[in-house]
Amino acid sequence: MSERPLSANYQLYPDVTLGADCQIGYGAEIGLAPSPEMPPLTIGSHATIRSHSVLYAGSVIGDYFNAGHGALIREYAAIGHHVSIGSHSVIEHHVTLGDHVRIHSNSFIPEYTVIGAHAWIGPCVCITNARYPAAKRTKELLTPVIIESYARIGANVTLLPGVRIGEGALIGAGSVVTQDVAAHTVVAGNPMKTLGKTGDLQYRDGSKIYEN
């Protein structure tokens, strides 16, 4: 249980474990429990949670967590250290985020998504997990997306259910990803096309953009 008292500026629900030196903004709700049986929320030290963000109970969040304004994190998320969630992004329940993951603003991360350490998710990315939305068995047949470590997903990308993005891959802005992407591969377009390897990308001076 945090020693920090309830504040008029934000709501800290009972039994939340809050680490040292955390900053919580106006109107945030920390530890909201949809059911009484849900375990409490645990947040590590040095977190910054900005105004009007909502973090549900049942999640475990590491040190140096950073949430923008109006971010939503549902129950049973497993979030590593040094993770950043942009303003108005939605992290649904049972999502796993590795250390140093960066998710920019207005992105949607649905149930059971797994994102590996150091992955980078651009603004307005939409990940999907339902092959047949609003069908009779949709919820029991969800197919999560897996994004491996160091992958980079450009702005406004849509990832369709069940795809796996390999380690260090780069997805160009606005792409629609309908199939797996191999490690260290560059893809872009709708439908996506393979453009090469990340290790071949260069700045104008000839120096490499990525080492792999």
N, C-alpha and C. Protein backbone atom coordinates (compact mmCIF):
# COMPACT_ATOMS: atom_id res chain seq x y z
N MET A 1 0.85 -1.20 0.00
CA MET A 1 0.00 0.00 0.00
C MET A 1 0.88 1.24 0.00
N SER A 2 0.59 2.18 -0.89
CA SER A 2 1.37 3.41 -0.94
C SER A 2 1.13 4.24 0.32
N GLU A 3 2.18 4.94 0.76
CA GLU A 3 2.03 5.85 1.89
C GLU A 3 1.47 7.20 1.46
N ARG A 4 1.37 7.41 0.15
CA ARG A 4 0.87 8.67 -0.36
C ARG A 4 -0.63 8.78 -0.10
N PRO A 5 -1.12 9.87 0.51
CA PRO A 5 -2.55 9.99 0.80
C PRO A 5 -3.35 10.27 -0.47
N LEU A 6 -4.65 10.00 -0.40
CA LEU A 6 -5.53 10.36 -1.49
C LEU A 6 -5.51 11.87 -1.68
N SER A 7 -5.56 12.28 -2.94
CA SER A 7 -5.47 13.70 -3.26
C SER A 7 -6.77 14.17 -3.89
N ALA A 8 -7.08 15.44 -3.73
CA ALA A 8 -8.24 16.01 -4.39
C ALA A 8 -8.02 16.14 -5.89
N ASN A 9 -6.77 16.05 -6.31
CA ASN A 9 -6.43 16.26 -7.71
C ASN A 9 -6.47 14.98 -8.53
N TYR A 10 -6.32 13.83 -7.90
CA TYR A 10 -6.38 12.55 -8.61
C TYR A 10 -6.93 11.50 -7.66
N GLN A 11 -7.35 10.35 -8.23
CA GLN A 11 -7.93 9.28 -7.43
C GLN A 11 -6.94 8.12 -7.34
N LEU A 12 -6.47 7.84 -6.14
CA LEU A 12 -5.60 6.69 -5.89
C LEU A 12 -6.44 5.67 -5.12
N TYR A 13 -6.78 4.56 -5.76
CA TYR A 13 -7.66 3.57 -5.15
C TYR A 13 -6.92 2.76 -4.08
N PRO A 14 -7.66 2.13 -3.16
CA PRO A 14 -7.03 1.37 -2.08
C PRO A 14 -6.16 0.24 -2.61
N ASP A 15 -5.12 -0.05 -1.84
CA ASP A 15 -4.21 -1.19 -2.05
C ASP A 15 -3.28 -1.02 -3.23
N VAL A 16 -3.28 0.13 -3.89
CA VAL A 16 -2.30 0.36 -4.95
C VAL A 16 -0.91 0.44 -4.33
N THR A 17 0.06 -0.24 -4.96
CA THR A 17 1.45 -0.12 -4.55
C THR A 17 2.14 0.85 -5.50
N LEU A 18 2.59 1.95 -4.96
CA LEU A 18 3.17 3.03 -5.75
C LEU A 18 4.59 3.27 -5.27
N GLY A 19 5.55 3.17 -6.19
CA GLY A 19 6.95 3.33 -5.82
C GLY A 19 7.31 4.76 -5.46
N ALA A 20 8.56 4.95 -5.11
CA ALA A 20 9.05 6.26 -4.68
C ALA A 20 9.11 7.24 -5.84
N ASP A 21 8.93 8.53 -5.50
CA ASP A 21 9.14 9.63 -6.44
C ASP A 21 8.26 9.53 -7.68
N CYS A 22 6.99 9.20 -7.49
CA CYS A 22 6.04 9.16 -8.61
C CYS A 22 5.28 10.48 -8.68
N GLN A 23 5.00 10.92 -9.89
CA GLN A 23 4.25 12.15 -10.11
C GLN A 23 2.96 11.79 -10.83
N ILE A 24 1.82 12.27 -10.28
CA ILE A 24 0.51 11.94 -10.84
C ILE A 24 -0.24 13.24 -11.13
N GLY A 25 -0.76 13.36 -12.35
CA GLY A 25 -1.41 14.59 -12.78
C GLY A 25 -2.87 14.68 -12.40
N TYR A 26 -3.43 15.84 -12.64
CA TYR A 26 -4.81 16.16 -12.28
C TYR A 26 -5.78 15.20 -12.97
N GLY A 27 -6.74 14.70 -12.21
CA GLY A 27 -7.82 13.91 -12.76
C GLY A 27 -7.48 12.48 -13.11
N ALA A 28 -6.27 12.04 -12.82
CA ALA A 28 -5.89 10.65 -13.11
C ALA A 28 -6.60 9.70 -12.14
N GLU A 29 -6.88 8.47 -12.61
CA GLU A 29 -7.44 7.42 -11.76
C GLU A 29 -6.46 6.26 -11.75
N ILE A 30 -5.98 5.93 -10.55
CA ILE A 30 -4.90 4.95 -10.41
C ILE A 30 -5.40 3.77 -9.59
N GLY A 31 -5.56 2.60 -10.27
CA GLY A 31 -5.97 1.39 -9.57
C GLY A 31 -7.45 1.08 -9.66
N LEU A 32 -8.15 1.60 -10.66
CA LEU A 32 -9.57 1.32 -10.84
C LEU A 32 -9.78 -0.19 -11.03
N ALA A 33 -10.68 -0.78 -10.25
CA ALA A 33 -10.91 -2.23 -10.29
C ALA A 33 -12.30 -2.52 -10.83
N PRO A 34 -12.42 -3.18 -12.01
CA PRO A 34 -13.74 -3.53 -12.54
C PRO A 34 -14.47 -4.57 -11.72
N SER A 35 -13.72 -5.37 -10.93
CA SER A 35 -14.36 -6.36 -10.08
C SER A 35 -13.60 -6.44 -8.76
N PRO A 36 -14.27 -6.80 -7.66
CA PRO A 36 -13.62 -6.81 -6.35
C PRO A 36 -12.56 -7.89 -6.22
N GLU A 37 -12.60 -8.92 -7.05
CA GLU A 37 -11.63 -10.01 -6.95
C GLU A 37 -10.29 -9.68 -7.61
N MET A 38 -10.20 -8.57 -8.28
CA MET A 38 -9.01 -8.23 -9.04
C MET A 38 -7.85 -7.85 -8.12
N PRO A 39 -6.63 -8.35 -8.38
CA PRO A 39 -5.49 -7.96 -7.56
C PRO A 39 -5.18 -6.48 -7.75
N PRO A 40 -4.47 -5.89 -6.79
CA PRO A 40 -4.19 -4.45 -6.88
C PRO A 40 -3.17 -4.11 -7.96
N LEU A 41 -3.11 -2.86 -8.30
CA LEU A 41 -2.15 -2.33 -9.25
C LEU A 41 -0.81 -2.11 -8.55
N THR A 42 0.27 -2.45 -9.25
CA THR A 42 1.62 -2.19 -8.74
C THR A 42 2.38 -1.34 -9.75
N ILE A 43 2.92 -0.22 -9.29
CA ILE A 43 3.70 0.69 -10.14
C ILE A 43 5.05 0.90 -9.47
N GLY A 44 6.13 0.80 -10.24
CA GLY A 44 7.47 1.00 -9.71
C GLY A 44 7.77 2.45 -9.40
N SER A 45 9.03 2.73 -9.14
CA SER A 45 9.45 4.07 -8.74
C SER A 45 9.62 4.99 -9.95
N HIS A 46 9.60 6.29 -9.67
CA HIS A 46 9.90 7.34 -10.64
C HIS A 46 8.93 7.37 -11.82
N ALA A 47 7.67 6.99 -11.59
CA ALA A 47 6.67 7.06 -12.65
C ALA A 47 6.16 8.50 -12.81
N THR A 48 5.82 8.84 -14.06
CA THR A 48 5.14 10.10 -14.34
C THR A 48 3.85 9.77 -15.07
N ILE A 49 2.72 10.07 -14.45
CA ILE A 49 1.40 9.75 -15.01
C ILE A 49 0.65 11.07 -15.14
N ARG A 50 0.44 11.51 -16.36
CA ARG A 50 -0.08 12.85 -16.60
C ARG A 50 -1.61 12.88 -16.49
N SER A 51 -2.16 14.07 -16.61
CA SER A 51 -3.56 14.33 -16.28
C SER A 51 -4.53 13.44 -17.05
N HIS A 52 -5.55 12.99 -16.34
CA HIS A 52 -6.69 12.26 -16.87
C HIS A 52 -6.36 10.87 -17.43
N SER A 53 -5.19 10.35 -17.11
CA SER A 53 -4.90 8.96 -17.46
C SER A 53 -5.62 8.04 -16.48
N VAL A 54 -5.96 6.83 -16.96
CA VAL A 54 -6.65 5.84 -16.13
C VAL A 54 -5.88 4.54 -16.21
N LEU A 55 -5.47 4.03 -15.04
CA LEU A 55 -4.74 2.77 -14.94
C LEU A 55 -5.57 1.82 -14.09
N TYR A 56 -5.93 0.68 -14.67
CA TYR A 56 -6.77 -0.29 -13.97
C TYR A 56 -5.94 -1.13 -12.98
N ALA A 57 -6.66 -1.78 -12.09
CA ALA A 57 -6.05 -2.72 -11.15
C ALA A 57 -5.59 -3.97 -11.90
N GLY A 58 -4.78 -4.79 -11.21
CA GLY A 58 -4.36 -6.07 -11.75
C GLY A 58 -3.13 -6.03 -12.62
N SER A 59 -2.60 -4.84 -12.89
CA SER A 59 -1.42 -4.69 -13.74
C SER A 59 -0.17 -4.53 -12.89
N VAL A 60 0.96 -4.87 -13.49
CA VAL A 60 2.26 -4.66 -12.86
C VAL A 60 3.10 -3.81 -13.81
N ILE A 61 3.54 -2.66 -13.33
CA ILE A 61 4.26 -1.68 -14.15
C ILE A 61 5.61 -1.41 -13.51
N GLY A 62 6.67 -1.40 -14.31
CA GLY A 62 8.02 -1.24 -13.81
C GLY A 62 8.40 0.20 -13.47
N ASP A 63 9.68 0.39 -13.19
CA ASP A 63 10.21 1.70 -12.83
C ASP A 63 10.27 2.64 -14.05
N TYR A 64 10.24 3.95 -13.76
CA TYR A 64 10.39 5.00 -14.77
C TYR A 64 9.32 4.92 -15.86
N PHE A 65 8.13 4.54 -15.48
CA PHE A 65 7.00 4.53 -16.40
C PHE A 65 6.58 5.96 -16.71
N ASN A 66 6.15 6.19 -17.95
CA ASN A 66 5.77 7.54 -18.37
C ASN A 66 4.48 7.45 -19.18
N ALA A 67 3.44 8.11 -18.73
CA ALA A 67 2.16 8.13 -19.45
C ALA A 67 1.79 9.55 -19.81
N GLY A 68 1.37 9.75 -21.06
CA GLY A 68 0.91 11.06 -21.49
C GLY A 68 -0.46 11.39 -20.94
N HIS A 69 -1.05 12.46 -21.43
CA HIS A 69 -2.37 12.89 -20.96
C HIS A 69 -3.45 11.98 -21.53
N GLY A 70 -4.34 11.52 -20.67
CA GLY A 70 -5.49 10.75 -21.11
C GLY A 70 -5.17 9.35 -21.60
N ALA A 71 -4.05 8.78 -21.20
CA ALA A 71 -3.74 7.40 -21.58
C ALA A 71 -4.61 6.43 -20.78
N LEU A 72 -4.95 5.28 -21.40
CA LEU A 72 -5.75 4.26 -20.73
C LEU A 72 -4.99 2.94 -20.74
N ILE A 73 -4.83 2.35 -19.55
CA ILE A 73 -4.18 1.05 -19.43
C ILE A 73 -5.13 0.14 -18.67
N ARG A 74 -5.61 -0.90 -19.35
CA ARG A 74 -6.57 -1.81 -18.76
C ARG A 74 -5.90 -2.82 -17.84
N GLU A 75 -6.72 -3.74 -17.31
CA GLU A 75 -6.26 -4.68 -16.28
C GLU A 75 -5.31 -5.74 -16.84
N TYR A 76 -4.51 -6.27 -15.94
CA TYR A 76 -3.62 -7.40 -16.20
C TYR A 76 -2.57 -7.11 -17.29
N ALA A 77 -2.16 -5.87 -17.40
CA ALA A 77 -1.03 -5.54 -18.27
C ALA A 77 0.27 -5.86 -17.52
N ALA A 78 1.25 -6.35 -18.27
CA ALA A 78 2.60 -6.57 -17.73
C ALA A 78 3.54 -5.63 -18.46
N ILE A 79 4.00 -4.61 -17.77
CA ILE A 79 4.75 -3.52 -18.40
C ILE A 79 6.12 -3.41 -17.74
N GLY A 80 7.16 -3.41 -18.55
CA GLY A 80 8.53 -3.39 -18.05
C GLY A 80 8.98 -2.02 -17.57
N HIS A 81 10.29 -1.88 -17.45
CA HIS A 81 10.89 -0.62 -16.99
C HIS A 81 11.10 0.34 -18.16
N HIS A 82 11.07 1.65 -17.85
CA HIS A 82 11.35 2.70 -18.82
C HIS A 82 10.40 2.65 -20.02
N VAL A 83 9.15 2.34 -19.79
CA VAL A 83 8.14 2.29 -20.85
C VAL A 83 7.42 3.63 -20.92
N SER A 84 7.14 4.07 -22.15
CA SER A 84 6.47 5.35 -22.36
C SER A 84 5.21 5.13 -23.21
N ILE A 85 4.08 5.65 -22.72
CA ILE A 85 2.79 5.54 -23.42
C ILE A 85 2.31 6.95 -23.74
N GLY A 86 2.10 7.26 -25.02
CA GLY A 86 1.72 8.61 -25.41
C GLY A 86 0.29 8.98 -25.06
N SER A 87 0.00 10.25 -25.17
CA SER A 87 -1.32 10.78 -24.83
C SER A 87 -2.42 10.11 -25.66
N HIS A 88 -3.50 9.74 -24.97
CA HIS A 88 -4.71 9.19 -25.58
C HIS A 88 -4.50 7.82 -26.24
N SER A 89 -3.42 7.16 -25.94
CA SER A 89 -3.25 5.79 -26.41
C SER A 89 -4.00 4.84 -25.48
N VAL A 90 -4.42 3.69 -26.04
CA VAL A 90 -5.19 2.70 -25.29
C VAL A 90 -4.43 1.39 -25.27
N ILE A 91 -4.16 0.88 -24.06
CA ILE A 91 -3.55 -0.41 -23.86
C ILE A 91 -4.63 -1.30 -23.26
N GLU A 92 -5.11 -2.27 -24.03
CA GLU A 92 -6.18 -3.13 -23.53
C GLU A 92 -5.65 -4.17 -22.54
N HIS A 93 -6.54 -5.02 -22.02
CA HIS A 93 -6.17 -5.95 -20.96
C HIS A 93 -5.25 -7.07 -21.47
N HIS A 94 -4.44 -7.62 -20.57
CA HIS A 94 -3.54 -8.74 -20.85
C HIS A 94 -2.52 -8.42 -21.96
N VAL A 95 -2.06 -7.19 -22.00
CA VAL A 95 -1.01 -6.79 -22.94
C VAL A 95 0.34 -6.89 -22.23
N THR A 96 1.37 -7.29 -22.97
CA THR A 96 2.73 -7.38 -22.43
C THR A 96 3.63 -6.41 -23.17
N LEU A 97 4.31 -5.53 -22.43
CA LEU A 97 5.24 -4.56 -23.00
C LEU A 97 6.60 -4.74 -22.34
N GLY A 98 7.63 -4.99 -23.14
CA GLY A 98 8.97 -5.16 -22.60
C GLY A 98 9.62 -3.85 -22.18
N ASP A 99 10.81 -3.94 -21.62
CA ASP A 99 11.54 -2.75 -21.19
C ASP A 99 11.79 -1.80 -22.36
N HIS A 100 11.73 -0.51 -22.07
CA HIS A 100 12.07 0.56 -23.03
C HIS A 100 11.16 0.60 -24.26
N VAL A 101 9.97 0.04 -24.17
CA VAL A 101 9.01 0.19 -25.26
C VAL A 101 8.51 1.63 -25.30
N ARG A 102 8.38 2.16 -26.51
CA ARG A 102 7.84 3.52 -26.70
C ARG A 102 6.60 3.44 -27.59
N ILE A 103 5.45 3.85 -27.05
CA ILE A 103 4.21 3.89 -27.81
C ILE A 103 3.77 5.35 -27.90
N HIS A 104 3.68 5.87 -29.10
CA HIS A 104 3.34 7.27 -29.28
C HIS A 104 1.83 7.50 -29.15
N SER A 105 1.40 8.73 -29.30
CA SER A 105 0.03 9.14 -29.01
C SER A 105 -0.99 8.53 -29.97
N ASN A 106 -2.19 8.34 -29.45
CA ASN A 106 -3.36 7.92 -30.22
C ASN A 106 -3.22 6.54 -30.86
N SER A 107 -2.45 5.68 -30.24
CA SER A 107 -2.31 4.32 -30.74
C SER A 107 -3.23 3.37 -29.96
N PHE A 108 -3.60 2.27 -30.62
CA PHE A 108 -4.49 1.28 -30.01
C PHE A 108 -3.79 -0.07 -29.98
N ILE A 109 -3.64 -0.61 -28.77
CA ILE A 109 -2.96 -1.88 -28.54
C ILE A 109 -3.98 -2.83 -27.92
N PRO A 110 -4.52 -3.80 -28.67
CA PRO A 110 -5.62 -4.62 -28.16
C PRO A 110 -5.15 -5.76 -27.27
N GLU A 111 -6.13 -6.52 -26.78
CA GLU A 111 -5.90 -7.61 -25.84
C GLU A 111 -4.85 -8.60 -26.36
N TYR A 112 -3.99 -9.04 -25.45
CA TYR A 112 -3.02 -10.13 -25.65
C TYR A 112 -1.86 -9.77 -26.59
N THR A 113 -1.77 -8.52 -27.03
CA THR A 113 -0.62 -8.10 -27.82
C THR A 113 0.65 -8.25 -26.98
N VAL A 114 1.73 -8.67 -27.65
CA VAL A 114 3.05 -8.76 -27.00
C VAL A 114 4.02 -7.87 -27.78
N ILE A 115 4.65 -6.94 -27.08
CA ILE A 115 5.61 -6.03 -27.71
C ILE A 115 6.94 -6.17 -26.97
N GLY A 116 7.99 -6.54 -27.71
CA GLY A 116 9.29 -6.81 -27.10
C GLY A 116 10.06 -5.56 -26.74
N ALA A 117 11.13 -5.76 -26.00
CA ALA A 117 11.94 -4.66 -25.48
C ALA A 117 12.46 -3.76 -26.60
N HIS A 118 12.45 -2.45 -26.32
CA HIS A 118 13.00 -1.42 -27.20
C HIS A 118 12.22 -1.26 -28.51
N ALA A 119 11.05 -1.88 -28.63
CA ALA A 119 10.23 -1.65 -29.82
C ALA A 119 9.67 -0.23 -29.80
N TRP A 120 9.43 0.30 -30.99
CA TRP A 120 8.98 1.69 -31.16
C TRP A 120 7.71 1.69 -31.98
N ILE A 121 6.64 2.26 -31.41
CA ILE A 121 5.32 2.28 -32.05
C ILE A 121 4.97 3.75 -32.32
N GLY A 122 4.83 4.11 -33.60
CA GLY A 122 4.55 5.49 -33.95
C GLY A 122 3.14 5.93 -33.62
N PRO A 123 2.83 7.21 -33.85
CA PRO A 123 1.50 7.73 -33.53
C PRO A 123 0.42 7.13 -34.42
N CYS A 124 -0.76 6.97 -33.85
CA CYS A 124 -1.96 6.51 -34.56
C CYS A 124 -1.81 5.12 -35.16
N VAL A 125 -0.97 4.29 -34.57
CA VAL A 125 -0.89 2.89 -34.99
C VAL A 125 -2.11 2.14 -34.47
N CYS A 126 -2.68 1.28 -35.32
CA CYS A 126 -3.82 0.47 -34.91
C CYS A 126 -3.46 -1.00 -35.07
N ILE A 127 -3.42 -1.71 -33.96
CA ILE A 127 -3.21 -3.15 -33.96
C ILE A 127 -4.56 -3.83 -33.80
N THR A 128 -4.80 -4.89 -34.56
CA THR A 128 -6.09 -5.59 -34.48
C THR A 128 -5.87 -7.04 -34.09
N ASN A 129 -6.90 -7.66 -33.53
CA ASN A 129 -6.76 -9.06 -33.10
C ASN A 129 -8.00 -9.91 -33.37
N ALA A 130 -8.99 -9.34 -34.07
CA ALA A 130 -10.22 -10.07 -34.36
C ALA A 130 -10.34 -10.27 -35.87
N ARG A 131 -10.21 -11.52 -36.31
CA ARG A 131 -10.30 -11.80 -37.75
C ARG A 131 -11.72 -11.55 -38.28
N TYR A 132 -12.73 -11.78 -37.45
CA TYR A 132 -14.12 -11.61 -37.86
C TYR A 132 -14.84 -10.76 -36.81
N PRO A 133 -14.72 -9.44 -36.89
CA PRO A 133 -15.29 -8.57 -35.85
C PRO A 133 -16.79 -8.76 -35.69
N ALA A 134 -17.22 -8.74 -34.44
CA ALA A 134 -18.64 -8.81 -34.07
C ALA A 134 -19.30 -10.11 -34.47
N ALA A 135 -18.50 -11.15 -34.73
CA ALA A 135 -19.07 -12.47 -34.99
C ALA A 135 -19.40 -13.17 -33.66
N LYS A 136 -20.12 -14.28 -33.76
CA LYS A 136 -20.59 -14.98 -32.57
C LYS A 136 -19.43 -15.41 -31.66
N ARG A 137 -18.30 -15.85 -32.25
CA ARG A 137 -17.18 -16.39 -31.46
C ARG A 137 -15.95 -15.50 -31.50
N THR A 138 -16.15 -14.22 -31.78
CA THR A 138 -15.01 -13.30 -31.92
C THR A 138 -14.10 -13.34 -30.70
N LYS A 139 -14.67 -13.20 -29.51
CA LYS A 139 -13.86 -13.06 -28.31
C LYS A 139 -13.07 -14.33 -27.98
N GLU A 140 -13.60 -15.49 -28.31
CA GLU A 140 -12.87 -16.72 -27.99
C GLU A 140 -11.83 -17.07 -29.06
N LEU A 141 -11.84 -16.36 -30.18
CA LEU A 141 -10.91 -16.67 -31.27
C LEU A 141 -10.00 -15.50 -31.61
N LEU A 142 -9.74 -14.65 -30.63
CA LEU A 142 -8.82 -13.53 -30.86
C LEU A 142 -7.43 -14.06 -31.20
N THR A 143 -6.76 -13.38 -32.13
CA THR A 143 -5.44 -13.79 -32.60
C THR A 143 -4.48 -12.62 -32.38
N PRO A 144 -3.66 -12.67 -31.33
CA PRO A 144 -2.84 -11.51 -30.99
C PRO A 144 -1.69 -11.26 -31.96
N VAL A 145 -1.28 -10.04 -32.02
CA VAL A 145 -0.10 -9.62 -32.77
C VAL A 145 1.11 -9.69 -31.84
N ILE A 146 2.25 -10.12 -32.40
CA ILE A 146 3.51 -10.14 -31.65
C ILE A 146 4.52 -9.25 -32.37
N ILE A 147 5.07 -8.30 -31.65
CA ILE A 147 6.08 -7.39 -32.19
C ILE A 147 7.37 -7.65 -31.41
N GLU A 148 8.39 -8.11 -32.10
CA GLU A 148 9.62 -8.50 -31.43
C GLU A 148 10.49 -7.29 -31.10
N SER A 149 11.53 -7.52 -30.31
CA SER A 149 12.39 -6.46 -29.81
C SER A 149 12.97 -5.61 -30.93
N TYR A 150 13.07 -4.31 -30.67
CA TYR A 150 13.70 -3.33 -31.56
C TYR A 150 12.95 -3.12 -32.88
N ALA A 151 11.77 -3.71 -33.05
CA ALA A 151 10.99 -3.41 -34.25
C ALA A 151 10.49 -1.97 -34.19
N ARG A 152 10.24 -1.39 -35.37
CA ARG A 152 9.83 0.01 -35.46
C ARG A 152 8.61 0.08 -36.38
N ILE A 153 7.52 0.61 -35.83
CA ILE A 153 6.25 0.66 -36.55
C ILE A 153 5.92 2.12 -36.83
N GLY A 154 5.88 2.52 -38.10
CA GLY A 154 5.66 3.92 -38.46
C GLY A 154 4.26 4.41 -38.19
N ALA A 155 4.06 5.71 -38.33
CA ALA A 155 2.78 6.35 -38.05
C ALA A 155 1.66 5.79 -38.93
N ASN A 156 0.48 5.68 -38.34
CA ASN A 156 -0.74 5.28 -39.06
C ASN A 156 -0.68 3.89 -39.68
N VAL A 157 0.16 3.03 -39.16
CA VAL A 157 0.22 1.65 -39.64
C VAL A 157 -0.93 0.86 -39.04
N THR A 158 -1.48 -0.09 -39.82
CA THR A 158 -2.47 -1.04 -39.33
C THR A 158 -1.87 -2.44 -39.40
N LEU A 159 -1.88 -3.14 -38.26
CA LEU A 159 -1.40 -4.51 -38.20
C LEU A 159 -2.60 -5.44 -38.07
N LEU A 160 -2.77 -6.36 -39.00
CA LEU A 160 -3.91 -7.27 -38.96
C LEU A 160 -3.67 -8.42 -37.99
N PRO A 161 -4.74 -9.12 -37.59
CA PRO A 161 -4.63 -10.13 -36.53
C PRO A 161 -3.61 -11.21 -36.84
N GLY A 162 -2.85 -11.57 -35.79
CA GLY A 162 -1.98 -12.73 -35.85
C GLY A 162 -0.63 -12.51 -36.49
N VAL A 163 -0.33 -11.32 -37.00
CA VAL A 163 0.97 -11.13 -37.64
C VAL A 163 2.08 -11.04 -36.59
N ARG A 164 3.26 -11.43 -37.00
CA ARG A 164 4.45 -11.31 -36.17
C ARG A 164 5.44 -10.40 -36.89
N ILE A 165 5.88 -9.38 -36.18
CA ILE A 165 6.86 -8.45 -36.71
C ILE A 165 8.22 -8.82 -36.12
N GLY A 166 9.16 -9.20 -36.98
CA GLY A 166 10.43 -9.72 -36.51
C GLY A 166 11.31 -8.67 -35.86
N GLU A 167 12.30 -9.14 -35.16
CA GLU A 167 13.24 -8.26 -34.44
C GLU A 167 13.87 -7.25 -35.39
N GLY A 168 13.84 -5.98 -34.98
CA GLY A 168 14.50 -4.93 -35.73
C GLY A 168 13.86 -4.57 -37.05
N ALA A 169 12.69 -5.09 -37.37
CA ALA A 169 12.02 -4.76 -38.63
C ALA A 169 11.56 -3.31 -38.61
N LEU A 170 11.35 -2.76 -39.81
CA LEU A 170 10.87 -1.39 -39.98
C LEU A 170 9.65 -1.39 -40.88
N ILE A 171 8.53 -0.85 -40.37
CA ILE A 171 7.27 -0.78 -41.12
C ILE A 171 7.02 0.67 -41.48
N GLY A 172 6.96 0.98 -42.79
CA GLY A 172 6.78 2.35 -43.24
C GLY A 172 5.42 2.92 -42.87
N ALA A 173 5.36 4.23 -42.74
CA ALA A 173 4.13 4.92 -42.33
C ALA A 173 2.98 4.61 -43.28
N GLY A 174 1.80 4.40 -42.72
CA GLY A 174 0.60 4.17 -43.49
C GLY A 174 0.44 2.78 -44.05
N SER A 175 1.32 1.88 -43.71
CA SER A 175 1.26 0.52 -44.25
C SER A 175 0.13 -0.28 -43.63
N VAL A 176 -0.37 -1.27 -44.39
CA VAL A 176 -1.31 -2.27 -43.88
C VAL A 176 -0.59 -3.61 -43.93
N VAL A 177 -0.32 -4.16 -42.75
CA VAL A 177 0.49 -5.38 -42.65
C VAL A 177 -0.44 -6.58 -42.53
N THR A 178 -0.41 -7.45 -43.54
CA THR A 178 -1.33 -8.58 -43.62
C THR A 178 -0.65 -9.92 -43.37
N GLN A 179 0.69 -9.92 -43.26
CA GLN A 179 1.42 -11.16 -43.06
C GLN A 179 2.67 -10.89 -42.24
N ASP A 180 3.33 -11.95 -41.79
CA ASP A 180 4.52 -11.81 -40.96
C ASP A 180 5.60 -11.02 -41.69
N VAL A 181 6.41 -10.31 -40.90
CA VAL A 181 7.55 -9.56 -41.43
C VAL A 181 8.81 -10.13 -40.80
N ALA A 182 9.77 -10.51 -41.64
CA ALA A 182 11.01 -11.12 -41.15
C ALA A 182 11.86 -10.11 -40.39
N ALA A 183 12.73 -10.61 -39.56
CA ALA A 183 13.63 -9.76 -38.78
C ALA A 183 14.47 -8.86 -39.70
N HIS A 184 14.68 -7.61 -39.26
CA HIS A 184 15.56 -6.65 -39.94
C HIS A 184 15.15 -6.40 -41.38
N THR A 185 13.83 -6.48 -41.66
CA THR A 185 13.30 -6.25 -42.99
C THR A 185 12.52 -4.95 -43.03
N VAL A 186 12.61 -4.23 -44.15
CA VAL A 186 11.85 -3.00 -44.36
C VAL A 186 10.66 -3.30 -45.25
N VAL A 187 9.46 -2.96 -44.80
CA VAL A 187 8.26 -3.11 -45.62
C VAL A 187 7.47 -1.81 -45.59
N ALA A 188 6.67 -1.59 -46.64
CA ALA A 188 5.81 -0.40 -46.69
C ALA A 188 4.73 -0.63 -47.72
N GLY A 189 3.63 0.11 -47.59
CA GLY A 189 2.58 0.11 -48.58
C GLY A 189 1.33 -0.59 -48.16
N ASN A 190 0.29 -0.48 -49.02
CA ASN A 190 -1.00 -1.13 -48.82
C ASN A 190 -1.46 -1.71 -50.17
N PRO A 191 -1.34 -3.04 -50.35
CA PRO A 191 -0.76 -3.99 -49.39
C PRO A 191 0.74 -3.82 -49.28
N MET A 192 1.29 -4.30 -48.19
CA MET A 192 2.71 -4.08 -47.93
C MET A 192 3.58 -4.81 -48.96
N LYS A 193 4.74 -4.20 -49.22
CA LYS A 193 5.76 -4.80 -50.07
C LYS A 193 7.09 -4.76 -49.35
N THR A 194 7.91 -5.78 -49.57
CA THR A 194 9.24 -5.81 -48.97
C THR A 194 10.18 -4.93 -49.79
N LEU A 195 10.87 -4.02 -49.09
CA LEU A 195 11.74 -3.05 -49.76
C LEU A 195 13.22 -3.34 -49.56
N GLY A 196 13.57 -4.17 -48.59
CA GLY A 196 14.98 -4.45 -48.36
C GLY A 196 15.25 -4.77 -46.91
N LYS A 197 16.49 -4.53 -46.51
CA LYS A 197 16.93 -4.81 -45.15
C LYS A 197 17.28 -3.51 -44.43
N THR A 198 17.01 -3.47 -43.13
CA THR A 198 17.30 -2.26 -42.37
C THR A 198 18.79 -1.92 -42.39
N GLY A 199 19.65 -2.94 -42.45
CA GLY A 199 21.08 -2.70 -42.45
C GLY A 199 21.58 -2.03 -43.71
N ASP A 200 20.75 -1.99 -44.78
CA ASP A 200 21.16 -1.35 -46.03
C ASP A 200 20.75 0.12 -46.10
N LEU A 201 19.94 0.58 -45.17
CA LEU A 201 19.48 1.97 -45.19
C LEU A 201 20.61 2.92 -44.83
N GLN A 202 20.71 4.02 -45.59
CA GLN A 202 21.80 4.97 -45.38
C GLN A 202 21.28 6.40 -45.36
N TYR A 203 22.00 7.25 -44.60
CA TYR A 203 21.80 8.68 -44.70
C TYR A 203 22.45 9.18 -45.99
N ARG A 204 22.24 10.44 -46.31
CA ARG A 204 22.80 10.99 -47.55
C ARG A 204 24.32 10.97 -47.57
N ASP A 205 24.92 11.02 -46.40
CA ASP A 205 26.39 10.99 -46.35
C ASP A 205 26.96 9.58 -46.44
N GLY A 206 26.08 8.59 -46.61
CA GLY A 206 26.53 7.21 -46.76
C GLY A 206 26.63 6.42 -45.48
N SER A 207 26.44 7.07 -44.34
CA SER A 207 26.50 6.34 -43.07
C SER A 207 25.22 5.54 -42.85
N LYS A 208 25.33 4.45 -42.12
CA LYS A 208 24.20 3.57 -41.92
C LYS A 208 23.21 4.18 -40.92
N ILE A 209 21.91 4.00 -41.22
CA ILE A 209 20.86 4.44 -40.30
C ILE A 209 20.72 3.46 -39.15
N TYR A 210 20.69 2.16 -39.49
CA TYR A 210 20.58 1.11 -38.49
C TYR A 210 21.77 0.16 -38.65
N GLU A 211 22.18 -0.40 -37.54
CA GLU A 211 23.28 -1.33 -37.57
C GLU A 211 22.85 -2.71 -38.02
N ASN A 212 21.54 -3.01 -37.97
CA ASN A 212 21.05 -4.31 -38.40
C ASN A 212 19.69 -4.16 -39.04
